[in-house]
Amino acid sequence: MLLALADAVRHLGPEGFRSVAAELLPPRGVPVADEGRPCGPLDTSAAAISALALLKLGHRDQAADLLSELVGGHLSQDGRLLDGCYDLGSGTAVRHELVWGSFFLACALAVFTGRIGAYSA
């Protein structure tokens, strides 16, 4: 939802959307897959999507911290983002590389480093 709001701010104007987006800013760090299970697995794919949204909303420092945590603690030697959680309830792909996580991490890193514009991603 945060990424959709970040794009809405760009396309529809900041009135109302920016304040709603500010309320939805994620807590620092990689989130757990299910807030009801605070000791459960993390969801790095959600974190990668959040990092891109944070960059689009101008929260560069928070995005930088999140990207640093993802790259430093959840990236494989061959560049895959690990520890994504697809469906905790059914136990499906609970700690895996999820292709969209790797995609959004690559997009966020490209935006962060200036390789592409925030709204090119």
PDB file of N, CA and C in Angstrom:
ATOM      1  N   MET A   1       0.813  -1.173   0.000  1.00  0.00           N
ATOM      2  CA  MET A   1       0.000   0.000   0.000  1.00  0.00           C
ATOM      3  C   MET A   1       0.869   1.254   0.000  1.00  0.00           C
ATOM      4  N   LEU A   2       1.989   1.207   0.724  1.00  0.00           N
ATOM      5  CA  LEU A   2       2.857   2.371   0.794  1.00  0.00           C
ATOM      6  C   LEU A   2       3.408   2.736  -0.582  1.00  0.00           C
ATOM      7  N   LEU A   3       3.755   1.740  -1.374  1.00  0.00           N
ATOM      8  CA  LEU A   3       4.263   2.010  -2.716  1.00  0.00           C
ATOM      9  C   LEU A   3       3.174   2.622  -3.598  1.00  0.00           C
ATOM     10  N   ALA A   4       1.962   2.133  -3.491  1.00  0.00           N
ATOM     11  CA  ALA A   4       0.846   2.719  -4.252  1.00  0.00           C
ATOM     12  C   ALA A   4       0.625   4.171  -3.851  1.00  0.00           C
ATOM     13  N   LEU A   5       0.695   4.465  -2.569  1.00  0.00           N
ATOM     14  CA  LEU A   5       0.537   5.850  -2.120  1.00  0.00           C
ATOM     15  C   LEU A   5       1.682   6.729  -2.601  1.00  0.00           C
ATOM     16  N   ALA A   6       2.893   6.184  -2.613  1.00  0.00           N
ATOM     17  CA  ALA A   6       4.038   6.952  -3.109  1.00  0.00           C
ATOM     18  C   ALA A   6       3.829   7.323  -4.568  1.00  0.00           C
ATOM     19  N   ASP A   7       3.311   6.408  -5.359  1.00  0.00           N
ATOM     20  CA  ASP A   7       3.029   6.703  -6.759  1.00  0.00           C
ATOM     21  C   ASP A   7       1.847   7.664  -6.896  1.00  0.00           C
ATOM     22  N   ALA A   8       0.861   7.545  -6.020  1.00  0.00           N
ATOM     23  CA  ALA A   8      -0.286   8.451  -6.059  1.00  0.00           C
ATOM     24  C   ALA A   8       0.151   9.882  -5.775  1.00  0.00           C
ATOM     25  N   VAL A   9       1.081  10.062  -4.843  1.00  0.00           N
ATOM     26  CA  VAL A   9       1.590  11.396  -4.549  1.00  0.00           C
ATOM     27  C   VAL A   9       2.169  12.008  -5.813  1.00  0.00           C
ATOM     28  N   ARG A  10       2.891  11.224  -6.556  1.00  0.00           N
ATOM     29  CA  ARG A  10       3.532  11.708  -7.788  1.00  0.00           C
ATOM     30  C   ARG A  10       2.509  12.032  -8.872  1.00  0.00           C
ATOM     31  N   HIS A  11       1.533  11.160  -9.063  1.00  0.00           N
ATOM     32  CA  HIS A  11       0.616  11.302 -10.192  1.00  0.00           C
ATOM     33  C   HIS A  11      -0.625  12.133  -9.899  1.00  0.00           C
ATOM     34  N   LEU A  12      -1.069  12.140  -8.661  1.00  0.00           N
ATOM     35  CA  LEU A  12      -2.309  12.833  -8.340  1.00  0.00           C
ATOM     36  C   LEU A  12      -2.100  14.080  -7.486  1.00  0.00           C
ATOM     37  N   GLY A  13      -0.876  14.319  -7.076  1.00  0.00           N
ATOM     38  CA  GLY A  13      -0.583  15.482  -6.252  1.00  0.00           C
ATOM     39  C   GLY A  13      -0.510  15.120  -4.786  1.00  0.00           C
ATOM     40  N   PRO A  14       0.182  15.948  -4.015  1.00  0.00           N
ATOM     41  CA  PRO A  14       0.445  15.612  -2.630  1.00  0.00           C
ATOM     42  C   PRO A  14      -0.724  15.816  -1.661  1.00  0.00           C
ATOM     43  N   GLU A  15      -1.758  16.536  -2.071  1.00  0.00           N
ATOM     44  CA  GLU A  15      -2.847  16.822  -1.154  1.00  0.00           C
ATOM     45  C   GLU A  15      -3.437  15.536  -0.584  1.00  0.00           C
ATOM     46  N   GLY A  16      -3.288  15.371   0.706  1.00  0.00           N
ATOM     47  CA  GLY A  16      -3.878  14.222   1.381  1.00  0.00           C
ATOM     48  C   GLY A  16      -3.042  12.964   1.314  1.00  0.00           C
ATOM     49  N   PHE A  17      -2.464  12.669   0.179  1.00  0.00           N
ATOM     50  CA  PHE A  17      -1.730  11.412   0.036  1.00  0.00           C
ATOM     51  C   PHE A  17      -0.456  11.390   0.873  1.00  0.00           C
ATOM     52  N   ARG A  18       0.263  12.507   0.911  1.00  0.00           N
ATOM     53  CA  ARG A  18       1.523  12.522   1.645  1.00  0.00           C
ATOM     54  C   ARG A  18       1.284  12.307   3.137  1.00  0.00           C
ATOM     55  N   SER A  19       0.229  12.883   3.688  1.00  0.00           N
ATOM     56  CA  SER A  19      -0.031  12.697   5.117  1.00  0.00           C
ATOM     57  C   SER A  19      -0.468  11.261   5.412  1.00  0.00           C
ATOM     58  N   VAL A  20      -1.240  10.666   4.501  1.00  0.00           N
ATOM     59  CA  VAL A  20      -1.632   9.264   4.679  1.00  0.00           C
ATOM     60  C   VAL A  20      -0.397   8.377   4.591  1.00  0.00           C
ATOM     61  N   ALA A  21       0.465   8.647   3.636  1.00  0.00           N
ATOM     62  CA  ALA A  21       1.684   7.855   3.476  1.00  0.00           C
ATOM     63  C   ALA A  21       2.553   7.972   4.723  1.00  0.00           C
ATOM     64  N   ALA A  22       2.636   9.167   5.305  1.00  0.00           N
ATOM     65  CA  ALA A  22       3.444   9.349   6.511  1.00  0.00           C
ATOM     66  C   ALA A  22       2.924   8.483   7.655  1.00  0.00           C
ATOM     67  N   GLU A  23       1.616   8.294   7.727  1.00  0.00           N
ATOM     68  CA  GLU A  23       1.040   7.440   8.762  1.00  0.00           C
ATOM     69  C   GLU A  23       1.367   5.971   8.539  1.00  0.00           C
ATOM     70  N   LEU A  24       1.642   5.601   7.299  1.00  0.00           N
ATOM     71  CA  LEU A  24       1.905   4.203   6.964  1.00  0.00           C
ATOM     72  C   LEU A  24       3.385   3.853   6.934  1.00  0.00           C
ATOM     73  N   LEU A  25       4.255   4.811   7.239  1.00  0.00           N
ATOM     74  CA  LEU A  25       5.681   4.520   7.198  1.00  0.00           C
ATOM     75  C   LEU A  25       5.981   3.334   8.103  1.00  0.00           C
ATOM     76  N   PRO A  26       6.755   2.385   7.585  1.00  0.00           N
ATOM     77  CA  PRO A  26       7.049   1.187   8.375  1.00  0.00           C
ATOM     78  C   PRO A  26       8.012   1.505   9.508  1.00  0.00           C
ATOM     79  N   PRO A  27       7.991   0.692  10.563  1.00  0.00           N
ATOM     80  CA  PRO A  27       9.007   0.851  11.606  1.00  0.00           C
ATOM     81  C   PRO A  27      10.371   0.533  11.006  1.00  0.00           C
ATOM     82  N   ARG A  28      11.401   0.965  11.666  1.00  0.00           N
ATOM     83  CA  ARG A  28      12.760   0.709  11.173  1.00  0.00           C
ATOM     84  C   ARG A  28      13.037  -0.788  11.135  1.00  0.00           C
ATOM     85  N   GLY A  29      13.807  -1.198  10.149  1.00  0.00           N
ATOM     86  CA  GLY A  29      14.236  -2.585  10.053  1.00  0.00           C
ATOM     87  C   GLY A  29      13.316  -3.442   9.203  1.00  0.00           C
ATOM     88  N   VAL A  30      13.763  -4.653   8.959  1.00  0.00           N
ATOM     89  CA  VAL A  30      12.999  -5.615   8.161  1.00  0.00           C
ATOM     90  C   VAL A  30      11.817  -6.104   8.999  1.00  0.00           C
ATOM     91  N   PRO A  31      10.607  -6.013   8.455  1.00  0.00           N
ATOM     92  CA  PRO A  31       9.431  -6.401   9.245  1.00  0.00           C
ATOM     93  C   PRO A  31       9.273  -7.918   9.353  1.00  0.00           C
ATOM     94  N   VAL A  32       8.564  -8.332  10.393  1.00  0.00           N
ATOM     95  CA  VAL A  32       8.186  -9.737  10.490  1.00  0.00           C
ATOM     96  C   VAL A  32       7.072  -9.986   9.477  1.00  0.00           C
ATOM     97  N   ALA A  33       6.942 -11.224   9.068  1.00  0.00           N
ATOM     98  CA  ALA A  33       5.947 -11.578   8.053  1.00  0.00           C
ATOM     99  C   ALA A  33       4.525 -11.400   8.570  1.00  0.00           C
ATOM    100  N   ASP A  34       4.333 -11.568   9.861  1.00  0.00           N
ATOM    101  CA  ASP A  34       2.998 -11.465  10.462  1.00  0.00           C
ATOM    102  C   ASP A  34       3.144 -10.747  11.799  1.00  0.00           C
ATOM    103  N   GLU A  35       2.562  -9.554  11.899  1.00  0.00           N
ATOM    104  CA  GLU A  35       2.679  -8.780  13.136  1.00  0.00           C
ATOM    105  C   GLU A  35       2.113  -9.531  14.340  1.00  0.00           C
ATOM    106  N   GLY A  36       1.201 -10.464  14.086  1.00  0.00           N
ATOM    107  CA  GLY A  36       0.639 -11.281  15.164  1.00  0.00           C
ATOM    108  C   GLY A  36       1.602 -12.331  15.678  1.00  0.00           C
ATOM    109  N   ARG A  37       2.689 -12.534  14.953  1.00  0.00           N
ATOM    110  CA  ARG A  37       3.730 -13.492  15.351  1.00  0.00           C
ATOM    111  C   ARG A  37       5.075 -12.760  15.386  1.00  0.00           C
ATOM    112  N   PRO A  38       5.286 -11.930  16.407  1.00  0.00           N
ATOM    113  CA  PRO A  38       6.484 -11.093  16.430  1.00  0.00           C
ATOM    114  C   PRO A  38       7.807 -11.861  16.464  1.00  0.00           C
ATOM    115  N   CYS A  39       7.768 -13.120  16.841  1.00  0.00           N
ATOM    116  CA  CYS A  39       8.993 -13.937  16.844  1.00  0.00           C
ATOM    117  C   CYS A  39       9.099 -14.787  15.581  1.00  0.00           C
ATOM    118  N   GLY A  40       8.180 -14.576  14.655  1.00  0.00           N
ATOM    119  CA  GLY A  40       8.154 -15.366  13.426  1.00  0.00           C
ATOM    120  C   GLY A  40       9.188 -14.892  12.424  1.00  0.00           C
ATOM    121  N   PRO A  41       9.160 -15.467  11.229  1.00  0.00           N
ATOM    122  CA  PRO A  41      10.146 -15.117  10.206  1.00  0.00           C
ATOM    123  C   PRO A  41       9.948 -13.687   9.696  1.00  0.00           C
ATOM    124  N   LEU A  42      11.017 -13.154   9.141  1.00  0.00           N
ATOM    125  CA  LEU A  42      10.993 -11.822   8.538  1.00  0.00           C
ATOM    126  C   LEU A  42      10.412 -11.896   7.135  1.00  0.00           C
ATOM    127  N   ASP A  43      10.110 -10.741   6.558  1.00  0.00           N
ATOM    128  CA  ASP A  43       9.703 -10.687   5.160  1.00  0.00           C
ATOM    129  C   ASP A  43      10.531  -9.622   4.450  1.00  0.00           C
ATOM    130  N   THR A  44      11.655 -10.066   3.890  1.00  0.00           N
ATOM    131  CA  THR A  44      12.549  -9.146   3.203  1.00  0.00           C
ATOM    132  C   THR A  44      11.939  -8.601   1.923  1.00  0.00           C
ATOM    133  N   SER A  45      11.028  -9.338   1.304  1.00  0.00           N
ATOM    134  CA  SER A  45      10.402  -8.814   0.084  1.00  0.00           C
ATOM    135  C   SER A  45       9.544  -7.594   0.418  1.00  0.00           C
ATOM    136  N   ALA A  46       8.840  -7.622   1.539  1.00  0.00           N
ATOM    137  CA  ALA A  46       8.069  -6.452   1.974  1.00  0.00           C
ATOM    138  C   ALA A  46       9.009  -5.290   2.276  1.00  0.00           C
ATOM    139  N   ALA A  47      10.158  -5.585   2.859  1.00  0.00           N
ATOM    140  CA  ALA A  47      11.132  -4.543   3.170  1.00  0.00           C
ATOM    141  C   ALA A  47      11.673  -3.896   1.899  1.00  0.00           C
ATOM    142  N   ALA A  48      11.939  -4.692   0.873  1.00  0.00           N
ATOM    143  CA  ALA A  48      12.458  -4.149  -0.388  1.00  0.00           C
ATOM    144  C   ALA A  48      11.426  -3.234  -1.047  1.00  0.00           C
ATOM    145  N   ILE A  49      10.165  -3.629  -1.021  1.00  0.00           N
ATOM    146  CA  ILE A  49       9.089  -2.795  -1.568  1.00  0.00           C
ATOM    147  C   ILE A  49       8.991  -1.505  -0.760  1.00  0.00           C
ATOM    148  N   SER A  50       9.072  -1.620   0.556  1.00  0.00           N
ATOM    149  CA  SER A  50       9.025  -0.438   1.423  1.00  0.00           C
ATOM    150  C   SER A  50      10.193   0.502   1.149  1.00  0.00           C
ATOM    151  N   ALA A  51      11.377  -0.049   0.908  1.00  0.00           N
ATOM    152  CA  ALA A  51      12.551   0.785   0.633  1.00  0.00           C
ATOM    153  C   ALA A  51      12.330   1.634  -0.617  1.00  0.00           C
ATOM    154  N   LEU A  52      11.765   1.045  -1.652  1.00  0.00           N
ATOM    155  CA  LEU A  52      11.485   1.811  -2.866  1.00  0.00           C
ATOM    156  C   LEU A  52      10.446   2.892  -2.590  1.00  0.00           C
ATOM    157  N   ALA A  53       9.409   2.563  -1.846  1.00  0.00           N
ATOM    158  CA  ALA A  53       8.387   3.544  -1.508  1.00  0.00           C
ATOM    159  C   ALA A  53       8.989   4.682  -0.684  1.00  0.00           C
ATOM    160  N   LEU A  54       9.841   4.356   0.272  1.00  0.00           N
ATOM    161  CA  LEU A  54      10.482   5.382   1.088  1.00  0.00           C
ATOM    162  C   LEU A  54      11.302   6.341   0.226  1.00  0.00           C
ATOM    163  N   LEU A  55      12.002   5.799  -0.753  1.00  0.00           N
ATOM    164  CA  LEU A  55      12.779   6.656  -1.652  1.00  0.00           C
ATOM    165  C   LEU A  55      11.858   7.573  -2.450  1.00  0.00           C
ATOM    166  N   LYS A  56      10.760   7.046  -2.935  1.00  0.00           N
ATOM    167  CA  LYS A  56       9.819   7.854  -3.710  1.00  0.00           C
ATOM    168  C   LYS A  56       9.181   8.950  -2.866  1.00  0.00           C
ATOM    169  N   LEU A  57       9.045   8.700  -1.581  1.00  0.00           N
ATOM    170  CA  LEU A  57       8.441   9.678  -0.673  1.00  0.00           C
ATOM    171  C   LEU A  57       9.466  10.642  -0.083  1.00  0.00           C
ATOM    172  N   GLY A  58      10.737  10.452  -0.434  1.00  0.00           N
ATOM    173  CA  GLY A  58      11.770  11.362   0.043  1.00  0.00           C
ATOM    174  C   GLY A  58      12.354  11.017   1.397  1.00  0.00           C
ATOM    175  N   HIS A  59      12.126   9.820   1.890  1.00  0.00           N
ATOM    176  CA  HIS A  59      12.676   9.382   3.173  1.00  0.00           C
ATOM    177  C   HIS A  59      13.971   8.608   2.923  1.00  0.00           C
ATOM    178  N   ARG A  60      14.958   9.298   2.387  1.00  0.00           N
ATOM    179  CA  ARG A  60      16.196   8.674   1.936  1.00  0.00           C
ATOM    180  C   ARG A  60      16.976   8.012   3.077  1.00  0.00           C
ATOM    181  N   ASP A  61      17.050   8.647   4.236  1.00  0.00           N
ATOM    182  CA  ASP A  61      17.816   8.072   5.344  1.00  0.00           C
ATOM    183  C   ASP A  61      17.207   6.761   5.823  1.00  0.00           C
ATOM    184  N   GLN A  62      15.893   6.735   5.957  1.00  0.00           N
ATOM    185  CA  GLN A  62      15.229   5.501   6.398  1.00  0.00           C
ATOM    186  C   GLN A  62      15.383   4.414   5.343  1.00  0.00           C
ATOM    187  N   ALA A  63      15.283   4.791   4.061  1.00  0.00           N
ATOM    188  CA  ALA A  63      15.489   3.824   2.980  1.00  0.00           C
ATOM    189  C   ALA A  63      16.920   3.296   3.004  1.00  0.00           C
ATOM    190  N   ALA A  64      17.878   4.183   3.239  1.00  0.00           N
ATOM    191  CA  ALA A  64      19.289   3.771   3.276  1.00  0.00           C
ATOM    192  C   ALA A  64      19.531   2.752   4.386  1.00  0.00           C
ATOM    193  N   ASP A  65      18.949   2.998   5.550  1.00  0.00           N
ATOM    194  CA  ASP A  65      19.105   2.045   6.657  1.00  0.00           C
ATOM    195  C   ASP A  65      18.525   0.684   6.294  1.00  0.00           C
ATOM    196  N   LEU A  66      17.358   0.690   5.683  1.00  0.00           N
ATOM    197  CA  LEU A  66      16.701  -0.560   5.313  1.00  0.00           C
ATOM    198  C   LEU A  66      17.481  -1.289   4.227  1.00  0.00           C
ATOM    199  N   LEU A  67      17.946  -0.560   3.220  1.00  0.00           N
ATOM    200  CA  LEU A  67      18.743  -1.175   2.157  1.00  0.00           C
ATOM    201  C   LEU A  67      20.040  -1.757   2.714  1.00  0.00           C
ATOM    202  N   SER A  68      20.657  -1.044   3.622  1.00  0.00           N
ATOM    203  CA  SER A  68      21.882  -1.543   4.243  1.00  0.00           C
ATOM    204  C   SER A  68      21.627  -2.849   4.993  1.00  0.00           C
ATOM    205  N   GLU A  69      20.524  -2.920   5.712  1.00  0.00           N
ATOM    206  CA  GLU A  69      20.180  -4.142   6.438  1.00  0.00           C
ATOM    207  C   GLU A  69      19.900  -5.296   5.470  1.00  0.00           C
ATOM    208  N   LEU A  70      19.189  -5.013   4.376  1.00  0.00           N
ATOM    209  CA  LEU A  70      18.889  -6.070   3.404  1.00  0.00           C
ATOM    210  C   LEU A  70      20.158  -6.591   2.735  1.00  0.00           C
ATOM    211  N   VAL A  71      20.986  -5.670   2.257  1.00  0.00           N
ATOM    212  CA  VAL A  71      22.201  -6.072   1.545  1.00  0.00           C
ATOM    213  C   VAL A  71      23.201  -6.719   2.503  1.00  0.00           C
ATOM    214  N   GLY A  72      23.324  -6.177   3.696  1.00  0.00           N
ATOM    215  CA  GLY A  72      24.306  -6.690   4.645  1.00  0.00           C
ATOM    216  C   GLY A  72      23.918  -7.990   5.320  1.00  0.00           C
ATOM    217  N   GLY A  73      22.619  -8.269   5.414  1.00  0.00           N
ATOM    218  CA  GLY A  73      22.216  -9.437   6.171  1.00  0.00           C
ATOM    219  C   GLY A  73      21.354 -10.458   5.465  1.00  0.00           C
ATOM    220  N   HIS A  74      20.900 -10.145   4.248  1.00  0.00           N
ATOM    221  CA  HIS A  74      19.950 -11.043   3.604  1.00  0.00           C
ATOM    222  C   HIS A  74      20.232 -11.280   2.115  1.00  0.00           C
ATOM    223  N   LEU A  75      21.366 -10.828   1.645  1.00  0.00           N
ATOM    224  CA  LEU A  75      21.705 -10.989   0.230  1.00  0.00           C
ATOM    225  C   LEU A  75      22.681 -12.146   0.077  1.00  0.00           C
ATOM    226  N   SER A  76      22.383 -13.034  -0.872  1.00  0.00           N
ATOM    227  CA  SER A  76      23.276 -14.169  -1.122  1.00  0.00           C
ATOM    228  C   SER A  76      24.498 -13.703  -1.913  1.00  0.00           C
ATOM    229  N   GLN A  77      25.496 -14.549  -1.980  1.00  0.00           N
ATOM    230  CA  GLN A  77      26.713 -14.237  -2.735  1.00  0.00           C
ATOM    231  C   GLN A  77      26.413 -13.935  -4.204  1.00  0.00           C
ATOM    232  N   ASP A  78      25.386 -14.589  -4.744  1.00  0.00           N
ATOM    233  CA  ASP A  78      25.063 -14.382  -6.159  1.00  0.00           C
ATOM    234  C   ASP A  78      23.969 -13.329  -6.386  1.00  0.00           C
ATOM    235  N   GLY A  79      23.655 -12.541  -5.359  1.00  0.00           N
ATOM    236  CA  GLY A  79      22.766 -11.402  -5.534  1.00  0.00           C
ATOM    237  C   GLY A  79      21.291 -11.639  -5.291  1.00  0.00           C
ATOM    238  N   ARG A  80      20.909 -12.789  -4.750  1.00  0.00           N
ATOM    239  CA  ARG A  80      19.495 -13.060  -4.475  1.00  0.00           C
ATOM    240  C   ARG A  80      19.126 -12.549  -3.090  1.00  0.00           C
ATOM    241  N   LEU A  81      17.968 -11.927  -2.972  1.00  0.00           N
ATOM    242  CA  LEU A  81      17.467 -11.495  -1.674  1.00  0.00           C
ATOM    243  C   LEU A  81      16.791 -12.684  -1.006  1.00  0.00           C
ATOM    244  N   LEU A  82      17.320 -13.100   0.113  1.00  0.00           N
ATOM    245  CA  LEU A  82      16.807 -14.268   0.827  1.00  0.00           C
ATOM    246  C   LEU A  82      15.853 -13.827   1.938  1.00  0.00           C
ATOM    247  N   ASP A  83      15.219 -14.776   2.576  1.00  0.00           N
ATOM    248  CA  ASP A  83      14.375 -14.577   3.753  1.00  0.00           C
ATOM    249  C   ASP A  83      13.062 -13.859   3.464  1.00  0.00           C
ATOM    250  N   GLY A  84      12.550 -14.015   2.258  1.00  0.00           N
ATOM    251  CA  GLY A  84      11.207 -13.512   1.974  1.00  0.00           C
ATOM    252  C   GLY A  84      10.187 -14.521   2.479  1.00  0.00           C
ATOM    253  N   CYS A  85       9.009 -14.058   2.785  1.00  0.00           N
ATOM    254  CA  CYS A  85       7.962 -14.955   3.295  1.00  0.00           C
ATOM    255  C   CYS A  85       6.716 -14.792   2.431  1.00  0.00           C
ATOM    256  N   TYR A  86       6.378 -15.841   1.710  1.00  0.00           N
ATOM    257  CA  TYR A  86       5.224 -15.796   0.808  1.00  0.00           C
ATOM    258  C   TYR A  86       3.907 -16.023   1.540  1.00  0.00           C
ATOM    259  N   ASP A  87       3.793 -17.129   2.279  1.00  0.00           N
ATOM    260  CA  ASP A  87       2.532 -17.453   2.958  1.00  0.00           C
ATOM    261  C   ASP A  87       2.828 -18.187   4.256  1.00  0.00           C
ATOM    262  N   LEU A  88       2.945 -17.415   5.318  1.00  0.00           N
ATOM    263  CA  LEU A  88       3.277 -17.984   6.615  1.00  0.00           C
ATOM    264  C   LEU A  88       2.191 -18.944   7.096  1.00  0.00           C
ATOM    265  N   GLY A  89       0.932 -18.604   6.868  1.00  0.00           N
ATOM    266  CA  GLY A  89      -0.181 -19.430   7.336  1.00  0.00           C
ATOM    267  C   GLY A  89      -0.141 -20.849   6.826  1.00  0.00           C
ATOM    268  N   SER A  90       0.205 -21.013   5.549  1.00  0.00           N
ATOM    269  CA  SER A  90       0.253 -22.356   4.982  1.00  0.00           C
ATOM    270  C   SER A  90       1.652 -22.961   5.030  1.00  0.00           C
ATOM    271  N   GLY A  91       2.624 -22.152   5.441  1.00  0.00           N
ATOM    272  CA  GLY A  91       3.999 -22.640   5.483  1.00  0.00           C
ATOM    273  C   GLY A  91       4.659 -22.687   4.120  1.00  0.00           C
ATOM    274  N   THR A  92       4.132 -21.965   3.155  1.00  0.00           N
ATOM    275  CA  THR A  92       4.661 -21.960   1.793  1.00  0.00           C
ATOM    276  C   THR A  92       5.716 -20.867   1.630  1.00  0.00           C
ATOM    277  N   ALA A  93       6.905 -21.264   1.248  1.00  0.00           N
ATOM    278  CA  ALA A  93       8.011 -20.336   0.978  1.00  0.00           C
ATOM    279  C   ALA A  93       8.171 -19.332   2.113  1.00  0.00           C
ATOM    280  N   VAL A  94       8.433 -19.847   3.298  1.00  0.00           N
ATOM    281  CA  VAL A  94       8.496 -19.014   4.506  1.00  0.00           C
ATOM    282  C   VAL A  94       9.830 -18.268   4.626  1.00  0.00           C
ATOM    283  N   ARG A  95      10.912 -18.856   4.209  1.00  0.00           N
ATOM    284  CA  ARG A  95      12.226 -18.208   4.255  1.00  0.00           C
ATOM    285  C   ARG A  95      12.945 -18.478   2.929  1.00  0.00           C
ATOM    286  N   HIS A  96      12.505 -17.788   1.893  1.00  0.00           N
ATOM    287  CA  HIS A  96      12.997 -18.070   0.547  1.00  0.00           C
ATOM    288  C   HIS A  96      13.346 -16.799  -0.207  1.00  0.00           C
ATOM    289  N   GLU A  97      14.005 -16.994  -1.347  1.00  0.00           N
ATOM    290  CA  GLU A  97      14.121 -15.900  -2.294  1.00  0.00           C
ATOM    291  C   GLU A  97      12.769 -15.818  -2.992  1.00  0.00           C
ATOM    292  N   LEU A  98      12.202 -14.642  -3.005  1.00  0.00           N
ATOM    293  CA  LEU A  98      10.976 -14.397  -3.758  1.00  0.00           C
ATOM    294  C   LEU A  98      11.354 -13.437  -4.878  1.00  0.00           C
ATOM    295  N   VAL A  99      11.030 -13.772  -6.098  1.00  0.00           N
ATOM    296  CA  VAL A  99      11.521 -13.023  -7.243  1.00  0.00           C
ATOM    297  C   VAL A  99      11.158 -11.545  -7.152  1.00  0.00           C
ATOM    298  N   TRP A 100       9.982 -11.228  -6.621  1.00  0.00           N
ATOM    299  CA  TRP A 100       9.613  -9.818  -6.514  1.00  0.00           C
ATOM    300  C   TRP A 100      10.464  -9.108  -5.462  1.00  0.00           C
ATOM    301  N   GLY A 101      10.916  -9.821  -4.447  1.00  0.00           N
ATOM    302  CA  GLY A 101      11.805  -9.205  -3.467  1.00  0.00           C
ATOM    303  C   GLY A 101      13.127  -8.808  -4.097  1.00  0.00           C
ATOM    304  N   SER A 102      13.700  -9.718  -4.869  1.00  0.00           N
ATOM    305  CA  SER A 102      14.952  -9.412  -5.563  1.00  0.00           C
ATOM    306  C   SER A 102      14.751  -8.281  -6.565  1.00  0.00           C
ATOM    307  N   PHE A 103      13.617  -8.283  -7.267  1.00  0.00           N
ATOM    308  CA  PHE A 103      13.308  -7.229  -8.236  1.00  0.00           C
ATOM    309  C   PHE A 103      13.221  -5.865  -7.552  1.00  0.00           C
ATOM    310  N   PHE A 104      12.424  -5.769  -6.478  1.00  0.00           N
ATOM    311  CA  PHE A 104      12.249  -4.480  -5.820  1.00  0.00           C
ATOM    312  C   PHE A 104      13.528  -4.024  -5.124  1.00  0.00           C
ATOM    313  N   LEU A 105      14.336  -4.955  -4.635  1.00  0.00           N
ATOM    314  CA  LEU A 105      15.626  -4.568  -4.073  1.00  0.00           C
ATOM    315  C   LEU A 105      16.502  -3.956  -5.164  1.00  0.00           C
ATOM    316  N   ALA A 106      16.560  -4.588  -6.319  1.00  0.00           N
ATOM    317  CA  ALA A 106      17.352  -4.054  -7.432  1.00  0.00           C
ATOM    318  C   ALA A 106      16.854  -2.667  -7.840  1.00  0.00           C
ATOM    319  N   CYS A 107      15.542  -2.499  -7.916  1.00  0.00           N
ATOM    320  CA  CYS A 107      14.969  -1.183  -8.259  1.00  0.00           C
ATOM    321  C   CYS A 107      15.336  -0.146  -7.211  1.00  0.00           C
ATOM    322  N   ALA A 108      15.161  -0.489  -5.948  1.00  0.00           N
ATOM    323  CA  ALA A 108      15.468   0.463  -4.874  1.00  0.00           C
ATOM    324  C   ALA A 108      16.951   0.837  -4.880  1.00  0.00           C
ATOM    325  N   LEU A 109      17.820  -0.132  -5.091  1.00  0.00           N
ATOM    326  CA  LEU A 109      19.252   0.165  -5.150  1.00  0.00           C
ATOM    327  C   LEU A 109      19.577   1.047  -6.351  1.00  0.00           C
ATOM    328  N   ALA A 110      18.932   0.803  -7.469  1.00  0.00           N
ATOM    329  CA  ALA A 110      19.159   1.631  -8.663  1.00  0.00           C
ATOM    330  C   ALA A 110      18.699   3.068  -8.426  1.00  0.00           C
ATOM    331  N   VAL A 111      17.571   3.242  -7.747  1.00  0.00           N
ATOM    332  CA  VAL A 111      17.101   4.588  -7.415  1.00  0.00           C
ATOM    333  C   VAL A 111      18.051   5.235  -6.411  1.00  0.00           C
ATOM    334  N   PHE A 112      18.408   4.491  -5.389  1.00  0.00           N
ATOM    335  CA  PHE A 112      19.278   5.028  -4.334  1.00  0.00           C
ATOM    336  C   PHE A 112      20.617   5.502  -4.882  1.00  0.00           C
ATOM    337  N   THR A 113      21.175   4.756  -5.821  1.00  0.00           N
ATOM    338  CA  THR A 113      22.487   5.105  -6.394  1.00  0.00           C
ATOM    339  C   THR A 113      22.392   6.075  -7.569  1.00  0.00           C
ATOM    340  N   GLY A 114      21.168   6.451  -7.937  1.00  0.00           N
ATOM    341  CA  GLY A 114      20.996   7.412  -9.023  1.00  0.00           C
ATOM    342  C   GLY A 114      21.057   6.804 -10.417  1.00  0.00           C
ATOM    343  N   ARG A 115      21.060   5.489 -10.521  1.00  0.00           N
ATOM    344  CA  ARG A 115      21.086   4.839 -11.835  1.00  0.00           C
ATOM    345  C   ARG A 115      19.784   5.062 -12.605  1.00  0.00           C
ATOM    346  N   ILE A 116      18.682   5.128 -11.870  1.00  0.00           N
ATOM    347  CA  ILE A 116      17.378   5.433 -12.475  1.00  0.00           C
ATOM    348  C   ILE A 116      16.659   6.425 -11.560  1.00  0.00           C
ATOM    349  N   GLY A 117      15.685   7.118 -12.122  1.00  0.00           N
ATOM    350  CA  GLY A 117      14.894   8.040 -11.323  1.00  0.00           C
ATOM    351  C   GLY A 117      13.882   7.275 -10.465  1.00  0.00           C
ATOM    352  N   ALA A 118      13.442   7.901  -9.402  1.00  0.00           N
ATOM    353  CA  ALA A 118      12.503   7.259  -8.484  1.00  0.00           C
ATOM    354  C   ALA A 118      11.237   6.816  -9.186  1.00  0.00           C
ATOM    355  N   TYR A 119      10.812   7.569 -10.181  1.00  0.00           N
ATOM    356  CA  TYR A 119       9.562   7.214 -10.844  1.00  0.00           C
ATOM    357  C   TYR A 119       9.794   6.506 -12.167  1.00  0.00           C
ATOM    358  N   SER A 120      11.035   6.074 -12.393  1.00  0.00           N
ATOM    359  CA  SER A 120      11.325   5.176 -13.519  1.00  0.00           C
ATOM    360  C   SER A 120      11.071   3.742 -13.093  1.00  0.00           C
ATOM    361  N   ALA A 121      11.092   3.518 -11.783  1.00  0.00           N
ATOM    362  CA  ALA A 121      10.934   2.171 -11.222  1.00  0.00           C
ATOM    363  C   ALA A 121       9.484   1.861 -10.971  1.00  0.00           C
TER     364      ALA A 121
END
